[in-house]
Amino acid sequence: MEDFFAIILAQLYSVKLSPEKHLRILIIGLGGGVLTMYCKNWLKNVEIDAVEIDPKIVNVAKDWFGLKEDERTRIYVDDGLKFINKAANDGKKWDIVIIDVNSNDSTSELWGPTPEFIDTELLKNCEAITEDTGIFVMNLLCLSDKIRKSVLGKLALLWPHIFSNKLPKNRNEILFSSKMDRNSLFVKNAFNGKNENLNASDGHAMCLLNEVARTLKEVNNNS
């Protein structure tokens, strides 16, 4: 399991849910479909909408990584920016919105997401499609402290609580933005005993997720 996938999964696993609640997840940036499949296989009661701009990538995810569409998993071949803007205009909402887009520009200090996804107006639409009790998640791969602080500042204008998790020797920083505080959002000691969010029993992976969850911290635009 990749470190940044583990970070995302660990926190989603720890989200407080009522037993009857279905977790609606939007993922912008399908890639090989690995994150989509982790969420589908590890989390109970989830519905996933995944958006990928490149149809060839979708085919690779299906043909080589075993990603399948069904009543719980829908894949859209679309520009993620346009999808978000249209969803905001249509009043659609998800419990979890995840931006996992690589810029593929080695000359830039922002490797992920692309600059368009940290635009203020686009982030406002991301806030509009995220439930007030939900989480906006961004996979940030940034080599510039100035850009990082700018991103945190923009997020702080929309969400009062921003949490960060970054594992050692990993450049990816996962940002979780929410209108809920930590105690209201996440289950304490989620990996002790039974948790209704879990849909798998891999002991090694459980140990990894437990360690990952402990490193989450709240940040602001100055930290």
Protein backbone atom coordinates (compact mmCIF):
# COMPACT_ATOMS: atom_id res chain seq x y z
CA MET A 1 0.00 0.00 0.00
CA GLU A 2 1.48 3.37 -1.04
CA ASP A 3 2.07 5.75 1.88
CA PHE A 4 -0.23 8.48 0.61
CA PHE A 5 -3.01 5.98 -0.09
CA ALA A 6 -2.58 4.70 3.46
CA ILE A 7 -2.88 8.25 4.83
CA ILE A 8 -6.15 8.87 3.01
CA LEU A 9 -7.59 5.48 3.85
CA ALA A 10 -6.60 5.71 7.52
CA GLN A 11 -8.53 8.94 7.98
CA LEU A 12 -11.56 7.83 6.00
CA TYR A 13 -11.65 4.70 8.12
CA SER A 14 -11.65 6.91 11.23
CA VAL A 15 -14.52 9.18 10.11
CA LYS A 16 -17.49 9.11 12.45
CA LEU A 17 -20.54 7.64 10.75
CA SER A 18 -23.98 6.60 11.84
CA PRO A 19 -24.63 2.89 11.02
CA GLU A 20 -27.07 3.71 8.23
CA LYS A 21 -24.88 6.37 6.63
CA HIS A 22 -23.58 5.83 3.12
CA LEU A 23 -20.29 7.60 2.51
CA ARG A 24 -20.38 9.33 -0.87
CA ILE A 25 -16.86 9.86 -2.23
CA LEU A 26 -15.75 11.89 -5.24
CA ILE A 27 -12.23 11.24 -6.53
CA ILE A 28 -10.76 13.61 -9.12
CA GLY A 29 -7.87 11.81 -10.78
CA LEU A 30 -8.37 8.09 -11.26
CA GLY A 31 -4.85 7.04 -12.23
CA GLY A 32 -4.61 3.27 -12.04
CA GLY A 33 -7.75 3.19 -9.93
CA VAL A 34 -5.84 2.00 -6.86
CA LEU A 35 -7.28 4.56 -4.42
CA THR A 36 -10.76 3.90 -5.78
CA MET A 37 -10.37 0.16 -5.23
CA TYR A 38 -8.90 0.62 -1.74
CA CYS A 39 -11.88 2.76 -0.72
CA LYS A 40 -14.31 0.29 -2.26
CA ASN A 41 -12.72 -2.82 -0.73
CA TRP A 42 -11.80 -1.47 2.70
CA LEU A 43 -14.72 0.81 3.54
CA LYS A 44 -18.30 -0.28 4.09
CA ASN A 45 -21.34 1.52 2.69
CA VAL A 46 -19.48 3.67 0.16
CA GLU A 47 -20.52 5.05 -3.20
CA ILE A 48 -17.64 6.29 -5.34
CA ASP A 49 -17.63 8.64 -8.31
CA ALA A 50 -14.20 8.79 -9.98
CA VAL A 51 -13.30 11.30 -12.69
CA GLU A 52 -10.43 10.87 -15.15
CA ILE A 53 -9.73 13.09 -18.13
CA ASP A 54 -7.79 10.49 -20.14
CA PRO A 55 -9.82 7.53 -21.48
CA LYS A 56 -6.59 5.56 -21.99
CA ILE A 57 -5.90 5.77 -18.25
CA VAL A 58 -9.40 4.45 -17.54
CA ASN A 59 -8.77 1.51 -19.85
CA VAL A 60 -5.47 0.76 -18.11
CA ALA A 61 -7.19 0.85 -14.71
CA LYS A 62 -9.81 -1.62 -15.93
CA ASP A 63 -7.62 -3.90 -18.05
CA TRP A 64 -4.46 -4.04 -15.93
CA PHE A 65 -5.52 -3.19 -12.38
CA GLY A 66 -8.93 -4.86 -12.30
CA LEU A 67 -11.06 -1.79 -11.65
CA LYS A 68 -14.73 -2.53 -12.24
CA GLU A 69 -17.76 -0.29 -12.41
CA ASP A 70 -20.89 -1.32 -10.55
CA GLU A 71 -23.70 0.20 -8.52
CA ARG A 72 -21.13 1.42 -5.95
CA THR A 73 -18.49 2.64 -8.37
CA ARG A 74 -19.03 5.03 -11.28
CA ILE A 75 -16.28 6.31 -13.58
CA TYR A 76 -16.59 9.49 -15.62
CA VAL A 77 -14.25 10.39 -18.48
CA ASP A 78 -14.24 14.14 -18.06
CA ASP A 79 -12.13 17.16 -17.22
CA GLY A 80 -12.04 17.27 -13.42
CA LEU A 81 -12.23 21.07 -13.36
CA LYS A 82 -15.34 21.12 -15.53
CA PHE A 83 -16.87 18.27 -13.53
CA ILE A 84 -16.43 20.17 -10.25
CA ASN A 85 -17.79 23.43 -11.67
CA LYS A 86 -20.82 21.73 -13.16
CA ALA A 87 -21.49 19.77 -9.98
CA ALA A 88 -21.39 23.01 -7.99
CA ASN A 89 -23.80 24.67 -10.41
CA ASP A 90 -26.11 21.64 -10.18
CA GLY A 91 -26.04 21.65 -6.38
CA LYS A 92 -24.49 18.18 -6.06
CA LYS A 93 -22.64 17.22 -2.87
CA TRP A 94 -20.37 14.46 -1.59
CA ASP A 95 -19.23 13.54 1.92
CA ILE A 96 -15.61 13.24 0.78
CA VAL A 97 -14.05 15.10 -2.15
CA ILE A 98 -10.51 14.00 -3.06
CA ILE A 99 -8.18 15.82 -5.45
CA ASP A 100 -5.40 13.46 -6.57
CA VAL A 101 -4.04 15.01 -9.75
CA ASN A 102 -0.42 15.00 -10.94
CA SER A 103 0.86 17.95 -12.97
CA ASN A 104 3.51 15.88 -14.80
CA ASP A 105 5.59 19.06 -14.99
CA SER A 106 9.07 18.41 -13.58
CA THR A 107 10.03 22.08 -14.10
CA SER A 108 7.37 23.28 -11.66
CA GLU A 109 7.68 23.44 -7.88
CA LEU A 110 4.06 22.25 -7.71
CA TRP A 111 3.94 18.63 -8.84
CA GLY A 112 0.43 17.99 -7.68
CA PRO A 113 -2.24 19.06 -8.10
CA THR A 114 -2.04 21.29 -11.17
CA PRO A 115 -2.23 25.07 -10.50
CA GLU A 116 -5.83 25.18 -11.74
CA PHE A 117 -6.92 23.05 -8.79
CA ILE A 118 -5.60 25.56 -6.24
CA ASP A 119 -7.36 28.48 -7.92
CA THR A 120 -9.53 30.36 -5.42
CA GLU A 121 -12.73 30.10 -7.47
CA LEU A 122 -12.23 26.39 -8.09
CA LEU A 123 -11.66 25.79 -4.37
CA LYS A 124 -14.89 27.67 -3.64
CA ASN A 125 -16.71 25.20 -5.89
CA CYS A 126 -14.93 22.33 -4.12
CA GLU A 127 -16.30 23.71 -0.85
CA ALA A 128 -19.75 23.98 -2.41
CA ILE A 129 -19.84 20.29 -3.39
CA THR A 130 -18.50 19.07 -0.03
CA GLU A 131 -21.07 18.42 2.69
CA ASP A 132 -20.77 20.67 5.76
CA THR A 133 -20.06 17.53 7.79
CA GLY A 134 -17.64 16.23 5.14
CA ILE A 135 -13.97 16.44 4.24
CA PHE A 136 -12.12 17.98 1.30
CA VAL A 137 -8.90 16.04 0.68
CA MET A 138 -5.93 17.22 -1.39
CA ASN A 139 -2.82 15.24 -2.28
CA LEU A 140 -0.23 18.03 -2.27
CA LEU A 141 3.20 17.45 -3.75
CA CYS A 142 4.96 20.78 -3.47
CA LEU A 143 8.65 21.73 -3.38
CA SER A 144 8.02 25.37 -2.42
CA ASP A 145 7.17 26.45 1.13
CA LYS A 146 5.72 29.67 -0.30
CA ILE A 147 3.28 27.77 -2.52
CA ARG A 148 2.38 25.42 0.33
CA LYS A 149 1.55 28.33 2.64
CA SER A 150 -0.50 29.93 -0.13
CA VAL A 151 -2.51 26.71 -0.53
CA LEU A 152 -3.08 26.48 3.23
CA GLY A 153 -4.19 30.11 3.29
CA LYS A 154 -6.74 29.56 0.55
CA LEU A 155 -8.09 26.44 2.23
CA ALA A 156 -8.34 28.25 5.58
CA LEU A 157 -10.68 30.83 4.04
CA LEU A 158 -13.17 28.05 3.29
CA TRP A 159 -12.62 25.47 6.04
CA PRO A 160 -11.76 26.36 9.68
CA HIS A 161 -10.00 23.06 10.34
CA ILE A 162 -7.13 21.79 8.21
CA PHE A 163 -5.34 18.57 9.09
CA SER A 164 -2.08 17.36 7.59
CA ASN A 165 -0.38 14.01 7.38
CA LYS A 166 3.02 13.47 5.83
CA LEU A 167 5.06 10.36 6.42
CA PRO A 168 8.88 10.36 6.64
CA LYS A 169 10.73 10.03 3.33
CA ASN A 170 7.56 10.86 1.41
CA ARG A 171 7.11 14.14 -0.44
CA ASN A 172 3.34 13.81 -0.62
CA GLU A 173 1.43 15.77 2.03
CA ILE A 174 -2.24 14.92 2.40
CA LEU A 175 -4.42 17.83 3.52
CA PHE A 176 -7.84 17.21 5.06
CA SER A 177 -10.05 20.32 5.25
CA SER A 178 -13.31 20.34 7.19
CA LYS A 179 -15.81 22.54 8.98
CA MET A 180 -15.81 19.97 11.79
CA ASP A 181 -13.23 19.86 14.57
CA ARG A 182 -11.11 16.77 15.11
CA ASN A 183 -13.18 15.29 17.92
CA SER A 184 -16.41 15.73 15.98
CA LEU A 185 -14.96 14.33 12.77
CA PHE A 186 -12.80 11.36 13.70
CA VAL A 187 -13.29 8.36 15.95
CA LYS A 188 -10.71 8.12 18.74
CA ASN A 189 -8.75 4.86 18.72
CA ALA A 190 -10.56 3.79 15.57
CA PHE A 191 -8.29 0.77 15.17
CA ASN A 192 -9.03 -0.71 18.58
CA GLY A 193 -11.85 -3.23 18.51
CA LYS A 194 -14.68 -3.25 16.01
CA ASN A 195 -15.34 -0.28 13.77
CA GLU A 196 -18.36 -0.23 11.48
CA ASN A 197 -16.41 1.50 8.70
CA LEU A 198 -14.12 -1.49 8.13
CA ASN A 199 -14.66 -3.98 5.32
CA ALA A 200 -11.33 -5.90 5.46
CA SER A 201 -9.24 -7.86 7.93
CA ASP A 202 -5.64 -7.67 6.69
CA GLY A 203 -3.65 -7.51 9.92
CA HIS A 204 -0.48 -6.07 8.37
CA ALA A 205 -2.40 -3.29 6.64
CA MET A 206 -4.33 -2.58 9.84
CA CYS A 207 -1.04 -2.03 11.70
CA LEU A 208 0.11 0.34 8.96
CA LEU A 209 -3.13 2.33 9.03
CA ASN A 210 -2.98 2.53 12.82
CA GLU A 211 0.52 4.01 12.70
CA VAL A 212 -0.47 6.42 9.94
CA ALA A 213 -3.52 7.72 11.81
CA ARG A 214 -1.36 8.69 14.79
CA THR A 215 0.68 11.19 12.76
CA LEU A 216 -2.26 13.41 11.76
CA LYS A 217 -1.91 17.00 12.97
CA GLU A 218 -3.93 20.18 12.63
CA VAL A 219 -2.22 22.99 10.73
CA ASN A 220 -2.91 26.52 9.62
CA ASN A 221 -1.38 28.75 6.97
CA ASN A 222 1.62 29.45 9.19
CA SER A 223 2.62 25.85 9.94
